[in-house]
Each structure stands twice: as structure tokens, then as C-alpha cells.
Amino acid sequence: MRWVVAGGALLLVSSCAVKSVTREDRIAMSTELSKRKAGEQVTEREMALADQDKTVICQEDTPVGSHIPRRRCRTMREIEEEKLKAQEHHQGGCSPGAGGTANPNPVPCTGG
């Protein structure tokens, strides 16, 4: 029990020293990331600190049905929005008029 109390006290003290991230911190991280060579690894912390609207990430992908890769450059915010849309589309799973599907509880379609 004594270790739990000591660990909790240490956690409380260390959390008081946490500095909030400012806009200047985010811009500085974005600037630092932009100076790196293409293909270098970026940590989760660096991605979280980067400015979502100013950090541009370029990726090469090969579209379905093609063998020719293409380069797409998007801001981190655009990438996040695309991920959310894809998740919503995937989780929605609605298919109007699809009777006899394997889904016993079909999700009703909403929107256009």
C-alpha cells in the first residue's frame, strides 16, 4: 500500500510540471520537421506537436488498378479529416434495400 501512495504522490508532483503547448511550439516543431530529409522517421510526439494546418506531408501511393505511383501532398489536418471520413464510411455500413445481409442489425442510412 505504501508503494501505491508514493507512486501517486510522484505522479501528482510530475504532472504539475507539465508545460502547455503553445502555438509557437507547434510552429517551431513544424519548421524543424520541414528541414528533415524525405523518408526520415517521425515520432508520435513530434507529430502531435506539429501544427496541423502548416505541416505538409507528401506520400507516394499507387492507386487501385494502376502500377504508376503518384505523389500526394496534404496537410496533417487534411489527412486526419480523410481518416475520419473513411472510418465513418466503413463503420456506417448502411446499404439501403439490401435484405438478407449477414448483419442482423443493419444501420439505417442517413444523409444523401
PDB file of N, CA and C in Angstrom:
ATOM      1  N   MET A   1       0.831  -1.195   0.000  1.00  0.00           N
ATOM      2  CA  MET A   1       0.000   0.000   0.000  1.00  0.00           C
ATOM      3  C   MET A   1       0.873   1.255   0.000  1.00  0.00           C
ATOM      4  N   ARG A   2       1.998   1.151   0.703  1.00  0.00           N
ATOM      5  CA  ARG A   2       2.885   2.297   0.811  1.00  0.00           C
ATOM      6  C   ARG A   2       3.420   2.697  -0.564  1.00  0.00           C
ATOM      7  N   TRP A   3       3.695   1.706  -1.454  1.00  0.00           N
ATOM      8  CA  TRP A   3       4.212   1.993  -2.777  1.00  0.00           C
ATOM      9  C   TRP A   3       3.171   2.693  -3.649  1.00  0.00           C
ATOM     10  N   VAL A   4       1.915   2.337  -3.461  1.00  0.00           N
ATOM     11  CA  VAL A   4       0.857   2.963  -4.249  1.00  0.00           C
ATOM     12  C   VAL A   4       0.749   4.439  -3.902  1.00  0.00           C
ATOM     13  N   VAL A   5       0.821   4.754  -2.611  1.00  0.00           N
ATOM     14  CA  VAL A   5       0.739   6.148  -2.176  1.00  0.00           C
ATOM     15  C   VAL A   5       1.949   6.927  -2.672  1.00  0.00           C
ATOM     16  N   ALA A   6       3.137   6.332  -2.576  1.00  0.00           N
ATOM     17  CA  ALA A   6       4.347   7.011  -3.037  1.00  0.00           C
ATOM     18  C   ALA A   6       4.294   7.230  -4.549  1.00  0.00           C
ATOM     19  N   GLY A   7       3.825   6.235  -5.299  1.00  0.00           N
ATOM     20  CA  GLY A   7       3.709   6.372  -6.745  1.00  0.00           C
ATOM     21  C   GLY A   7       2.704   7.441  -7.125  1.00  0.00           C
ATOM     22  N   GLY A   8       1.583   7.505  -6.399  1.00  0.00           N
ATOM     23  CA  GLY A   8       0.568   8.518  -6.661  1.00  0.00           C
ATOM     24  C   GLY A   8       1.089   9.912  -6.375  1.00  0.00           C
ATOM     25  N   ALA A   9       1.870  10.056  -5.312  1.00  0.00           N
ATOM     26  CA  ALA A   9       2.440  11.357  -4.966  1.00  0.00           C
ATOM     27  C   ALA A   9       3.450  11.787  -6.029  1.00  0.00           C
ATOM     28  N   LEU A  10       4.243  10.850  -6.510  1.00  0.00           N
ATOM     29  CA  LEU A  10       5.220  11.166  -7.543  1.00  0.00           C
ATOM     30  C   LEU A  10       4.515  11.577  -8.838  1.00  0.00           C
ATOM     31  N   LEU A  11       3.459  10.884  -9.171  1.00  0.00           N
ATOM     32  CA  LEU A  11       2.694  11.226 -10.362  1.00  0.00           C
ATOM     33  C   LEU A  11       2.086  12.616 -10.233  1.00  0.00           C
ATOM     34  N   LEU A  12       1.568  12.937  -9.075  1.00  0.00           N
ATOM     35  CA  LEU A  12       0.963  14.244  -8.834  1.00  0.00           C
ATOM     36  C   LEU A  12       2.000  15.350  -8.964  1.00  0.00           C
ATOM     37  N   VAL A  13       3.167  15.162  -8.403  1.00  0.00           N
ATOM     38  CA  VAL A  13       4.226  16.164  -8.466  1.00  0.00           C
ATOM     39  C   VAL A  13       4.712  16.338  -9.902  1.00  0.00           C
ATOM     40  N   SER A  14       4.885  15.228 -10.638  1.00  0.00           N
ATOM     41  CA  SER A  14       5.390  15.336 -12.003  1.00  0.00           C
ATOM     42  C   SER A  14       4.361  15.952 -12.938  1.00  0.00           C
ATOM     43  N   SER A  15       3.080  15.758 -12.666  1.00  0.00           N
ATOM     44  CA  SER A  15       2.063  16.334 -13.543  1.00  0.00           C
ATOM     45  C   SER A  15       1.955  17.842 -13.367  1.00  0.00           C
ATOM     46  N   CYS A  16       2.379  18.355 -12.248  1.00  0.00           N
ATOM     47  CA  CYS A  16       2.348  19.799 -12.029  1.00  0.00           C
ATOM     48  C   CYS A  16       3.386  20.509 -12.900  1.00  0.00           C
ATOM     49  N   ALA A  17       4.425  19.790 -13.298  1.00  0.00           N
ATOM     50  CA  ALA A  17       5.498  20.397 -14.070  1.00  0.00           C
ATOM     51  C   ALA A  17       5.222  20.353 -15.577  1.00  0.00           C
ATOM     52  N   VAL A  18       4.082  19.838 -15.999  1.00  0.00           N
ATOM     53  CA  VAL A  18       3.780  19.740 -17.419  1.00  0.00           C
ATOM     54  C   VAL A  18       3.483  21.123 -17.981  1.00  0.00           C
ATOM     55  N   LYS A  19       4.169  21.456 -19.070  1.00  0.00           N
ATOM     56  CA  LYS A  19       4.006  22.760 -19.714  1.00  0.00           C
ATOM     57  C   LYS A  19       3.002  22.626 -20.845  1.00  0.00           C
ATOM     58  N   SER A  20       2.102  23.564 -20.963  1.00  0.00           N
ATOM     59  CA  SER A  20       1.142  23.506 -22.060  1.00  0.00           C
ATOM     60  C   SER A  20       1.836  23.902 -23.359  1.00  0.00           C
ATOM     61  N   VAL A  21       1.376  23.320 -24.448  1.00  0.00           N
ATOM     62  CA  VAL A  21       1.974  23.560 -25.753  1.00  0.00           C
ATOM     63  C   VAL A  21       1.367  24.821 -26.352  1.00  0.00           C
ATOM     64  N   THR A  22       2.227  25.738 -26.763  1.00  0.00           N
ATOM     65  CA  THR A  22       1.768  26.997 -27.345  1.00  0.00           C
ATOM     66  C   THR A  22       1.798  26.923 -28.865  1.00  0.00           C
ATOM     67  N   ARG A  23       1.208  27.881 -29.502  1.00  0.00           N
ATOM     68  CA  ARG A  23       1.205  27.962 -30.969  1.00  0.00           C
ATOM     69  C   ARG A  23       2.638  28.074 -31.493  1.00  0.00           C
ATOM     70  N   GLU A  24       3.481  28.811 -30.774  1.00  0.00           N
ATOM     71  CA  GLU A  24       4.885  28.966 -31.169  1.00  0.00           C
ATOM     72  C   GLU A  24       5.613  27.624 -31.122  1.00  0.00           C
ATOM     73  N   ASP A  25       5.299  26.786 -30.109  1.00  0.00           N
ATOM     74  CA  ASP A  25       5.903  25.450 -30.021  1.00  0.00           C
ATOM     75  C   ASP A  25       5.529  24.612 -31.237  1.00  0.00           C
ATOM     76  N   ARG A  26       4.267  24.700 -31.645  1.00  0.00           N
ATOM     77  CA  ARG A  26       3.790  23.919 -32.790  1.00  0.00           C
ATOM     78  C   ARG A  26       4.455  24.391 -34.092  1.00  0.00           C
ATOM     79  N   ILE A  27       4.589  25.702 -34.242  1.00  0.00           N
ATOM     80  CA  ILE A  27       5.234  26.241 -35.439  1.00  0.00           C
ATOM     81  C   ILE A  27       6.712  25.844 -35.467  1.00  0.00           C
ATOM     82  N   ALA A  28       7.377  25.888 -34.320  1.00  0.00           N
ATOM     83  CA  ALA A  28       8.786  25.500 -34.246  1.00  0.00           C
ATOM     84  C   ALA A  28       8.966  24.034 -34.618  1.00  0.00           C
ATOM     85  N   MET A  29       8.069  23.163 -34.148  1.00  0.00           N
ATOM     86  CA  MET A  29       8.166  21.741 -34.486  1.00  0.00           C
ATOM     87  C   MET A  29       7.915  21.530 -35.979  1.00  0.00           C
ATOM     88  N   SER A  30       6.948  22.252 -36.539  1.00  0.00           N
ATOM     89  CA  SER A  30       6.669  22.132 -37.970  1.00  0.00           C
ATOM     90  C   SER A  30       7.880  22.574 -38.794  1.00  0.00           C
ATOM     91  N   THR A  31       8.525  23.650 -38.370  1.00  0.00           N
ATOM     92  CA  THR A  31       9.715  24.141 -39.064  1.00  0.00           C
ATOM     93  C   THR A  31      10.833  23.113 -38.992  1.00  0.00           C
ATOM     94  N   GLU A  32      11.013  22.516 -37.812  1.00  0.00           N
ATOM     95  CA  GLU A  32      12.048  21.502 -37.645  1.00  0.00           C
ATOM     96  C   GLU A  32      11.762  20.286 -38.530  1.00  0.00           C
ATOM     97  N   LEU A  33      10.509  19.860 -38.581  1.00  0.00           N
ATOM     98  CA  LEU A  33      10.159  18.705 -39.403  1.00  0.00           C
ATOM     99  C   LEU A  33      10.369  18.996 -40.886  1.00  0.00           C
ATOM    100  N   SER A  34      10.128  20.231 -41.302  1.00  0.00           N
ATOM    101  CA  SER A  34      10.281  20.571 -42.720  1.00  0.00           C
ATOM    102  C   SER A  34      11.737  20.553 -43.160  1.00  0.00           C
ATOM    103  N   LYS A  35      12.665  20.674 -42.234  1.00  0.00           N
ATOM    104  CA  LYS A  35      14.089  20.681 -42.566  1.00  0.00           C
ATOM    105  C   LYS A  35      14.674  19.280 -42.666  1.00  0.00           C
ATOM    106  N   ARG A  36      13.919  18.267 -42.266  1.00  0.00           N
ATOM    107  CA  ARG A  36      14.424  16.895 -42.319  1.00  0.00           C
ATOM    108  C   ARG A  36      14.397  16.358 -43.740  1.00  0.00           C
ATOM    109  N   LYS A  37      15.228  15.358 -43.964  1.00  0.00           N
ATOM    110  CA  LYS A  37      15.279  14.714 -45.273  1.00  0.00           C
ATOM    111  C   LYS A  37      14.013  13.891 -45.483  1.00  0.00           C
ATOM    112  N   ALA A  38      13.626  13.748 -46.729  1.00  0.00           N
ATOM    113  CA  ALA A  38      12.451  12.939 -47.067  1.00  0.00           C
ATOM    114  C   ALA A  38      12.675  11.496 -46.644  1.00  0.00           C
ATOM    115  N   GLY A  39      11.680  10.898 -46.043  1.00  0.00           N
ATOM    116  CA  GLY A  39      11.755   9.500 -45.636  1.00  0.00           C
ATOM    117  C   GLY A  39      12.230   9.279 -44.218  1.00  0.00           C
ATOM    118  N   GLU A  40      12.642  10.339 -43.509  1.00  0.00           N
ATOM    119  CA  GLU A  40      13.078  10.168 -42.122  1.00  0.00           C
ATOM    120  C   GLU A  40      11.883   9.860 -41.232  1.00  0.00           C
ATOM    121  N   GLN A  41      12.126   9.057 -40.210  1.00  0.00           N
ATOM    122  CA  GLN A  41      11.069   8.676 -39.280  1.00  0.00           C
ATOM    123  C   GLN A  41      10.679   9.863 -38.404  1.00  0.00           C
ATOM    124  N   VAL A  42       9.391   9.946 -38.109  1.00  0.00           N
ATOM    125  CA  VAL A  42       8.862  10.991 -37.239  1.00  0.00           C
ATOM    126  C   VAL A  42       8.155  10.298 -36.093  1.00  0.00           C
ATOM    127  N   THR A  43       8.431  10.706 -34.862  1.00  0.00           N
ATOM    128  CA  THR A  43       7.815  10.068 -33.700  1.00  0.00           C
ATOM    129  C   THR A  43       6.384  10.555 -33.514  1.00  0.00           C
ATOM    130  N   GLU A  44       5.625   9.813 -32.720  1.00  0.00           N
ATOM    131  CA  GLU A  44       4.249  10.201 -32.412  1.00  0.00           C
ATOM    132  C   GLU A  44       4.219  11.553 -31.702  1.00  0.00           C
ATOM    133  N   ARG A  45       5.178  11.778 -30.827  1.00  0.00           N
ATOM    134  CA  ARG A  45       5.231  13.047 -30.077  1.00  0.00           C
ATOM    135  C   ARG A  45       5.461  14.219 -31.028  1.00  0.00           C
ATOM    136  N   GLU A  46       6.386  14.034 -31.988  1.00  0.00           N
ATOM    137  CA  GLU A  46       6.664  15.098 -32.950  1.00  0.00           C
ATOM    138  C   GLU A  46       5.427  15.388 -33.808  1.00  0.00           C
ATOM    139  N   MET A  47       4.729  14.345 -34.191  1.00  0.00           N
ATOM    140  CA  MET A  47       3.506  14.541 -34.982  1.00  0.00           C
ATOM    141  C   MET A  47       2.449  15.273 -34.168  1.00  0.00           C
ATOM    142  N   ALA A  48       2.342  14.941 -32.885  1.00  0.00           N
ATOM    143  CA  ALA A  48       1.345  15.574 -32.035  1.00  0.00           C
ATOM    144  C   ALA A  48       1.674  17.047 -31.795  1.00  0.00           C
ATOM    145  N   LEU A  49       2.959  17.373 -31.776  1.00  0.00           N
ATOM    146  CA  LEU A  49       3.364  18.758 -31.523  1.00  0.00           C
ATOM    147  C   LEU A  49       3.311  19.627 -32.776  1.00  0.00           C
ATOM    148  N   ALA A  50       3.308  19.019 -33.936  1.00  0.00           N
ATOM    149  CA  ALA A  50       3.339  19.789 -35.183  1.00  0.00           C
ATOM    150  C   ALA A  50       2.041  20.558 -35.388  1.00  0.00           C
ATOM    151  N   ASP A  51       2.142  21.657 -36.098  1.00  0.00           N
ATOM    152  CA  ASP A  51       0.969  22.475 -36.419  1.00  0.00           C
ATOM    153  C   ASP A  51       0.179  21.763 -37.507  1.00  0.00           C
ATOM    154  N   GLN A  52      -1.048  21.402 -37.220  1.00  0.00           N
ATOM    155  CA  GLN A  52      -1.876  20.607 -38.122  1.00  0.00           C
ATOM    156  C   GLN A  52      -2.131  21.298 -39.462  1.00  0.00           C
ATOM    157  N   ASP A  53      -2.196  22.616 -39.468  1.00  0.00           N
ATOM    158  CA  ASP A  53      -2.523  23.340 -40.695  1.00  0.00           C
ATOM    159  C   ASP A  53      -1.293  23.736 -41.504  1.00  0.00           C
ATOM    160  N   LYS A  54      -0.132  23.735 -40.910  1.00  0.00           N
ATOM    161  CA  LYS A  54       1.070  24.190 -41.603  1.00  0.00           C
ATOM    162  C   LYS A  54       2.013  23.054 -41.987  1.00  0.00           C
ATOM    163  N   THR A  55       1.837  21.878 -41.403  1.00  0.00           N
ATOM    164  CA  THR A  55       2.726  20.769 -41.700  1.00  0.00           C
ATOM    165  C   THR A  55       2.180  19.974 -42.876  1.00  0.00           C
ATOM    166  N   VAL A  56       2.962  19.921 -43.946  1.00  0.00           N
ATOM    167  CA  VAL A  56       2.558  19.214 -45.158  1.00  0.00           C
ATOM    168  C   VAL A  56       3.338  17.904 -45.220  1.00  0.00           C
ATOM    169  N   ILE A  57       2.610  16.826 -45.470  1.00  0.00           N
ATOM    170  CA  ILE A  57       3.218  15.507 -45.584  1.00  0.00           C
ATOM    171  C   ILE A  57       2.978  15.005 -46.999  1.00  0.00           C
ATOM    172  N   CYS A  58       4.057  14.617 -47.664  1.00  0.00           N
ATOM    173  CA  CYS A  58       3.953  14.084 -49.018  1.00  0.00           C
ATOM    174  C   CYS A  58       4.184  12.583 -48.955  1.00  0.00           C
ATOM    175  N   GLN A  59       3.295  11.843 -49.618  1.00  0.00           N
ATOM    176  CA  GLN A  59       3.390  10.394 -49.633  1.00  0.00           C
ATOM    177  C   GLN A  59       3.223   9.905 -51.064  1.00  0.00           C
ATOM    178  N   GLU A  60       3.893   8.796 -51.354  1.00  0.00           N
ATOM    179  CA  GLU A  60       3.693   8.154 -52.649  1.00  0.00           C
ATOM    180  C   GLU A  60       2.772   6.975 -52.433  1.00  0.00           C
ATOM    181  N   ASP A  61       1.726   6.899 -53.241  1.00  0.00           N
ATOM    182  CA  ASP A  61       0.841   5.752 -53.187  1.00  0.00           C
ATOM    183  C   ASP A  61       0.494   5.336 -54.600  1.00  0.00           C
ATOM    184  N   THR A  62       0.086   4.099 -54.735  1.00  0.00           N
ATOM    185  CA  THR A  62      -0.282   3.567 -56.034  1.00  0.00           C
ATOM    186  C   THR A  62      -1.793   3.365 -56.049  1.00  0.00           C
ATOM    187  N   PRO A  63      -2.494   4.099 -56.896  1.00  0.00           N
ATOM    188  CA  PRO A  63      -3.945   3.950 -56.956  1.00  0.00           C
ATOM    189  C   PRO A  63      -4.353   2.536 -57.379  1.00  0.00           C
ATOM    190  N   VAL A  64      -5.520   2.120 -56.940  1.00  0.00           N
ATOM    191  CA  VAL A  64      -6.035   0.806 -57.308  1.00  0.00           C
ATOM    192  C   VAL A  64      -6.203   0.754 -58.818  1.00  0.00           C
ATOM    193  N   GLY A  65      -5.720  -0.326 -59.416  1.00  0.00           N
ATOM    194  CA  GLY A  65      -5.836  -0.504 -60.858  1.00  0.00           C
ATOM    195  C   GLY A  65      -4.700   0.119 -61.648  1.00  0.00           C
ATOM    196  N   SER A  66      -3.675   0.594 -60.960  1.00  0.00           N
ATOM    197  CA  SER A  66      -2.554   1.227 -61.649  1.00  0.00           C
ATOM    198  C   SER A  66      -1.249   0.702 -61.071  1.00  0.00           C
ATOM    199  N   HIS A  67      -0.219   0.757 -61.866  1.00  0.00           N
ATOM    200  CA  HIS A  67       1.116   0.399 -61.400  1.00  0.00           C
ATOM    201  C   HIS A  67       1.996   1.644 -61.273  1.00  0.00           C
ATOM    202  N   ILE A  68       1.417   2.785 -61.567  1.00  0.00           N
ATOM    203  CA  ILE A  68       2.180   4.026 -61.562  1.00  0.00           C
ATOM    204  C   ILE A  68       1.932   4.758 -60.241  1.00  0.00           C
ATOM    205  N   PRO A  69       2.959   4.873 -59.401  1.00  0.00           N
ATOM    206  CA  PRO A  69       2.768   5.593 -58.133  1.00  0.00           C
ATOM    207  C   PRO A  69       2.577   7.087 -58.372  1.00  0.00           C
ATOM    208  N   ARG A  70       1.861   7.710 -57.481  1.00  0.00           N
ATOM    209  CA  ARG A  70       1.674   9.166 -57.565  1.00  0.00           C
ATOM    210  C   ARG A  70       2.024   9.774 -56.210  1.00  0.00           C
ATOM    211  N   ARG A  71       2.436  11.002 -56.254  1.00  0.00           N
ATOM    212  CA  ARG A  71       2.837  11.715 -55.042  1.00  0.00           C
ATOM    213  C   ARG A  71       1.714  12.648 -54.643  1.00  0.00           C
ATOM    214  N   ARG A  72       1.254  12.517 -53.397  1.00  0.00           N
ATOM    215  CA  ARG A  72       0.187  13.375 -52.865  1.00  0.00           C
ATOM    216  C   ARG A  72       0.725  14.139 -51.664  1.00  0.00           C
ATOM    217  N   CYS A  73       0.562  15.438 -51.680  1.00  0.00           N
ATOM    218  CA  CYS A  73       0.983  16.277 -50.567  1.00  0.00           C
ATOM    219  C   CYS A  73      -0.265  16.892 -49.944  1.00  0.00           C
ATOM    220  N   ARG A  74      -0.415  16.684 -48.624  1.00  0.00           N
ATOM    221  CA  ARG A  74      -1.578  17.196 -47.899  1.00  0.00           C
ATOM    222  C   ARG A  74      -1.128  17.667 -46.526  1.00  0.00           C
ATOM    223  N   THR A  75      -1.918  18.566 -45.941  1.00  0.00           N
ATOM    224  CA  THR A  75      -1.622  18.985 -44.573  1.00  0.00           C
ATOM    225  C   THR A  75      -2.051  17.876 -43.620  1.00  0.00           C
ATOM    226  N   MET A  76      -1.525  17.925 -42.416  1.00  0.00           N
ATOM    227  CA  MET A  76      -1.889  16.929 -41.420  1.00  0.00           C
ATOM    228  C   MET A  76      -3.393  16.980 -41.138  1.00  0.00           C
ATOM    229  N   ARG A  77      -3.971  18.166 -41.161  1.00  0.00           N
ATOM    230  CA  ARG A  77      -5.410  18.285 -40.917  1.00  0.00           C
ATOM    231  C   ARG A  77      -6.207  17.584 -42.018  1.00  0.00           C
ATOM    232  N   GLU A  78      -5.799  17.741 -43.271  1.00  0.00           N
ATOM    233  CA  GLU A  78      -6.488  17.070 -44.375  1.00  0.00           C
ATOM    234  C   GLU A  78      -6.392  15.553 -44.247  1.00  0.00           C
ATOM    235  N   ILE A  79      -5.219  15.057 -43.856  1.00  0.00           N
ATOM    236  CA  ILE A  79      -5.036  13.621 -43.674  1.00  0.00           C
ATOM    237  C   ILE A  79      -5.957  13.112 -42.570  1.00  0.00           C
ATOM    238  N   GLU A  80      -6.017  13.827 -41.453  1.00  0.00           N
ATOM    239  CA  GLU A  80      -6.877  13.435 -40.333  1.00  0.00           C
ATOM    240  C   GLU A  80      -8.339  13.432 -40.742  1.00  0.00           C
ATOM    241  N   GLU A  81      -8.773  14.459 -41.492  1.00  0.00           N
ATOM    242  CA  GLU A  81     -10.169  14.530 -41.938  1.00  0.00           C
ATOM    243  C   GLU A  81     -10.499  13.368 -42.870  1.00  0.00           C
ATOM    244  N   GLU A  82      -9.575  13.014 -43.753  1.00  0.00           N
ATOM    245  CA  GLU A  82      -9.802  11.876 -44.645  1.00  0.00           C
ATOM    246  C   GLU A  82      -9.908  10.575 -43.862  1.00  0.00           C
ATOM    247  N   LYS A  83      -9.074  10.415 -42.835  1.00  0.00           N
ATOM    248  CA  LYS A  83      -9.147   9.216 -41.995  1.00  0.00           C
ATOM    249  C   LYS A  83     -10.507   9.121 -41.307  1.00  0.00           C
ATOM    250  N   LEU A  84     -10.972  10.247 -40.748  1.00  0.00           N
ATOM    251  CA  LEU A  84     -12.263  10.247 -40.062  1.00  0.00           C
ATOM    252  C   LEU A  84     -13.399   9.919 -41.022  1.00  0.00           C
ATOM    253  N   LYS A  85     -13.374  10.500 -42.221  1.00  0.00           N
ATOM    254  CA  LYS A  85     -14.409  10.203 -43.214  1.00  0.00           C
ATOM    255  C   LYS A  85     -14.402   8.733 -43.596  1.00  0.00           C
ATOM    256  N   ALA A  86     -13.210   8.165 -43.776  1.00  0.00           N
ATOM    257  CA  ALA A  86     -13.101   6.753 -44.140  1.00  0.00           C
ATOM    258  C   ALA A  86     -13.628   5.865 -43.013  1.00  0.00           C
ATOM    259  N   GLN A  87     -13.320   6.220 -41.762  1.00  0.00           N
ATOM    260  CA  GLN A  87     -13.815   5.440 -40.627  1.00  0.00           C
ATOM    261  C   GLN A  87     -15.328   5.523 -40.533  1.00  0.00           C
ATOM    262  N   GLU A  88     -15.877   6.720 -40.714  1.00  0.00           N
ATOM    263  CA  GLU A  88     -17.329   6.876 -40.659  1.00  0.00           C
ATOM    264  C   GLU A  88     -17.986   6.068 -41.772  1.00  0.00           C
ATOM    265  N   HIS A  89     -17.418   6.108 -42.961  1.00  0.00           N
ATOM    266  CA  HIS A  89     -17.964   5.370 -44.092  1.00  0.00           C
ATOM    267  C   HIS A  89     -17.897   3.866 -43.836  1.00  0.00           C
ATOM    268  N   HIS A  90     -16.771   3.426 -43.289  1.00  0.00           N
ATOM    269  CA  HIS A  90     -16.571   1.999 -43.029  1.00  0.00           C
ATOM    270  C   HIS A  90     -17.481   1.522 -41.904  1.00  0.00           C
ATOM    271  N   GLN A  91     -17.611   2.298 -40.843  1.00  0.00           N
ATOM    272  CA  GLN A  91     -18.415   1.899 -39.693  1.00  0.00           C
ATOM    273  C   GLN A  91     -19.899   2.055 -39.959  1.00  0.00           C
ATOM    274  N   GLY A  92     -20.263   2.969 -40.865  1.00  0.00           N
ATOM    275  CA  GLY A  92     -21.673   3.186 -41.161  1.00  0.00           C
ATOM    276  C   GLY A  92     -22.320   1.921 -41.683  1.00  0.00           C
ATOM    277  N   GLY A  93     -21.718   1.331 -42.684  1.00  0.00           N
ATOM    278  CA  GLY A  93     -22.162   0.057 -43.205  1.00  0.00           C
ATOM    279  C   GLY A  93     -23.612   0.011 -43.646  1.00  0.00           C
ATOM    280  N   CYS A  94     -24.198   1.117 -44.025  1.00  0.00           N
ATOM    281  CA  CYS A  94     -25.595   1.070 -44.442  1.00  0.00           C
ATOM    282  C   CYS A  94     -25.674   0.684 -45.907  1.00  0.00           C
ATOM    283  N   SER A  95     -26.682  -0.056 -46.237  1.00  0.00           N
ATOM    284  CA  SER A  95     -26.921  -0.401 -47.634  1.00  0.00           C
ATOM    285  C   SER A  95     -28.430  -0.486 -47.827  1.00  0.00           C
ATOM    286  N   PRO A  96     -29.024   0.588 -48.355  1.00  0.00           N
ATOM    287  CA  PRO A  96     -30.476   0.624 -48.477  1.00  0.00           C
ATOM    288  C   PRO A  96     -30.997  -0.479 -49.383  1.00  0.00           C
ATOM    289  N   GLY A  97     -32.018  -1.139 -48.919  1.00  0.00           N
ATOM    290  CA  GLY A  97     -32.666  -2.169 -49.716  1.00  0.00           C
ATOM    291  C   GLY A  97     -31.907  -3.470 -49.793  1.00  0.00           C
ATOM    292  N   ALA A  98     -30.901  -3.653 -48.967  1.00  0.00           N
ATOM    293  CA  ALA A  98     -30.127  -4.890 -49.007  1.00  0.00           C
ATOM    294  C   ALA A  98     -30.704  -5.864 -47.989  1.00  0.00           C
ATOM    295  N   GLY A  99     -31.727  -6.567 -48.379  1.00  0.00           N
ATOM    296  CA  GLY A  99     -32.341  -7.528 -47.474  1.00  0.00           C
ATOM    297  C   GLY A  99     -31.528  -8.803 -47.445  1.00  0.00           C
ATOM    298  N   GLY A 100     -31.584  -9.519 -46.327  1.00  0.00           N
ATOM    299  CA  GLY A 100     -30.899 -10.791 -46.201  1.00  0.00           C
ATOM    300  C   GLY A 100     -29.400 -10.671 -46.036  1.00  0.00           C
ATOM    301  N   THR A 101     -28.920  -9.536 -45.542  1.00  0.00           N
ATOM    302  CA  THR A 101     -27.483  -9.390 -45.341  1.00  0.00           C
ATOM    303  C   THR A 101     -27.056 -10.140 -44.100  1.00  0.00           C
ATOM    304  N   ALA A 102     -25.773 -10.322 -43.938  1.00  0.00           N
ATOM    305  CA  ALA A 102     -25.243 -11.034 -42.784  1.00  0.00           C
ATOM    306  C   ALA A 102     -25.365 -10.205 -41.517  1.00  0.00           C
ATOM    307  N   ASN A 103     -25.582  -8.929 -41.635  1.00  0.00           N
ATOM    308  CA  ASN A 103     -25.704  -8.055 -40.473  1.00  0.00           C
ATOM    309  C   ASN A 103     -27.115  -8.157 -39.918  1.00  0.00           C
ATOM    310  N   PRO A 104     -27.293  -8.729 -38.708  1.00  0.00           N
ATOM    311  CA  PRO A 104     -28.646  -8.862 -38.168  1.00  0.00           C
ATOM    312  C   PRO A 104     -29.228  -7.534 -37.733  1.00  0.00           C
ATOM    313  N   ASN A 105     -28.391  -6.542 -37.461  1.00  0.00           N
ATOM    314  CA  ASN A 105     -28.851  -5.217 -37.038  1.00  0.00           C
ATOM    315  C   ASN A 105     -28.326  -4.175 -38.020  1.00  0.00           C
ATOM    316  N   PRO A 106     -28.916  -4.056 -39.200  1.00  0.00           N
ATOM    317  CA  PRO A 106     -28.384  -3.101 -40.162  1.00  0.00           C
ATOM    318  C   PRO A 106     -28.519  -1.668 -39.672  1.00  0.00           C
ATOM    319  N   VAL A 107     -27.552  -0.865 -40.052  1.00  0.00           N
ATOM    320  CA  VAL A 107     -27.548   0.535 -39.681  1.00  0.00           C
ATOM    321  C   VAL A 107     -28.381   1.303 -40.713  1.00  0.00           C
ATOM    322  N   PRO A 108     -29.354   2.112 -40.263  1.00  0.00           N
ATOM    323  CA  PRO A 108     -30.149   2.862 -41.236  1.00  0.00           C
ATOM    324  C   PRO A 108     -29.289   3.915 -41.928  1.00  0.00           C
ATOM    325  N   CYS A 109     -29.542   4.133 -43.208  1.00  0.00           N
ATOM    326  CA  CYS A 109     -28.785   5.117 -43.979  1.00  0.00           C
ATOM    327  C   CYS A 109     -29.275   6.512 -43.630  1.00  0.00           C
ATOM    328  N   THR A 110     -28.345   7.431 -43.473  1.00  0.00           N
ATOM    329  CA  THR A 110     -28.684   8.820 -43.230  1.00  0.00           C
ATOM    330  C   THR A 110     -27.965   9.664 -44.247  1.00  0.00           C
ATOM    331  N   GLY A 111     -28.478  10.829 -44.491  1.00  0.00           N
ATOM    332  CA  GLY A 111     -27.827  11.760 -45.422  1.00  0.00           C
ATOM    333  C   GLY A 111     -28.103  11.366 -46.848  1.00  0.00           C
ATOM    334  N   GLY A 112     -27.410  12.089 -47.769  1.00  0.00           N
ATOM    335  CA  GLY A 112     -27.666  11.902 -49.191  1.00  0.00           C
ATOM    336  C   GLY A 112     -26.866  10.890 -49.770  1.00  0.00           C
TER     337      GLY A 112
END
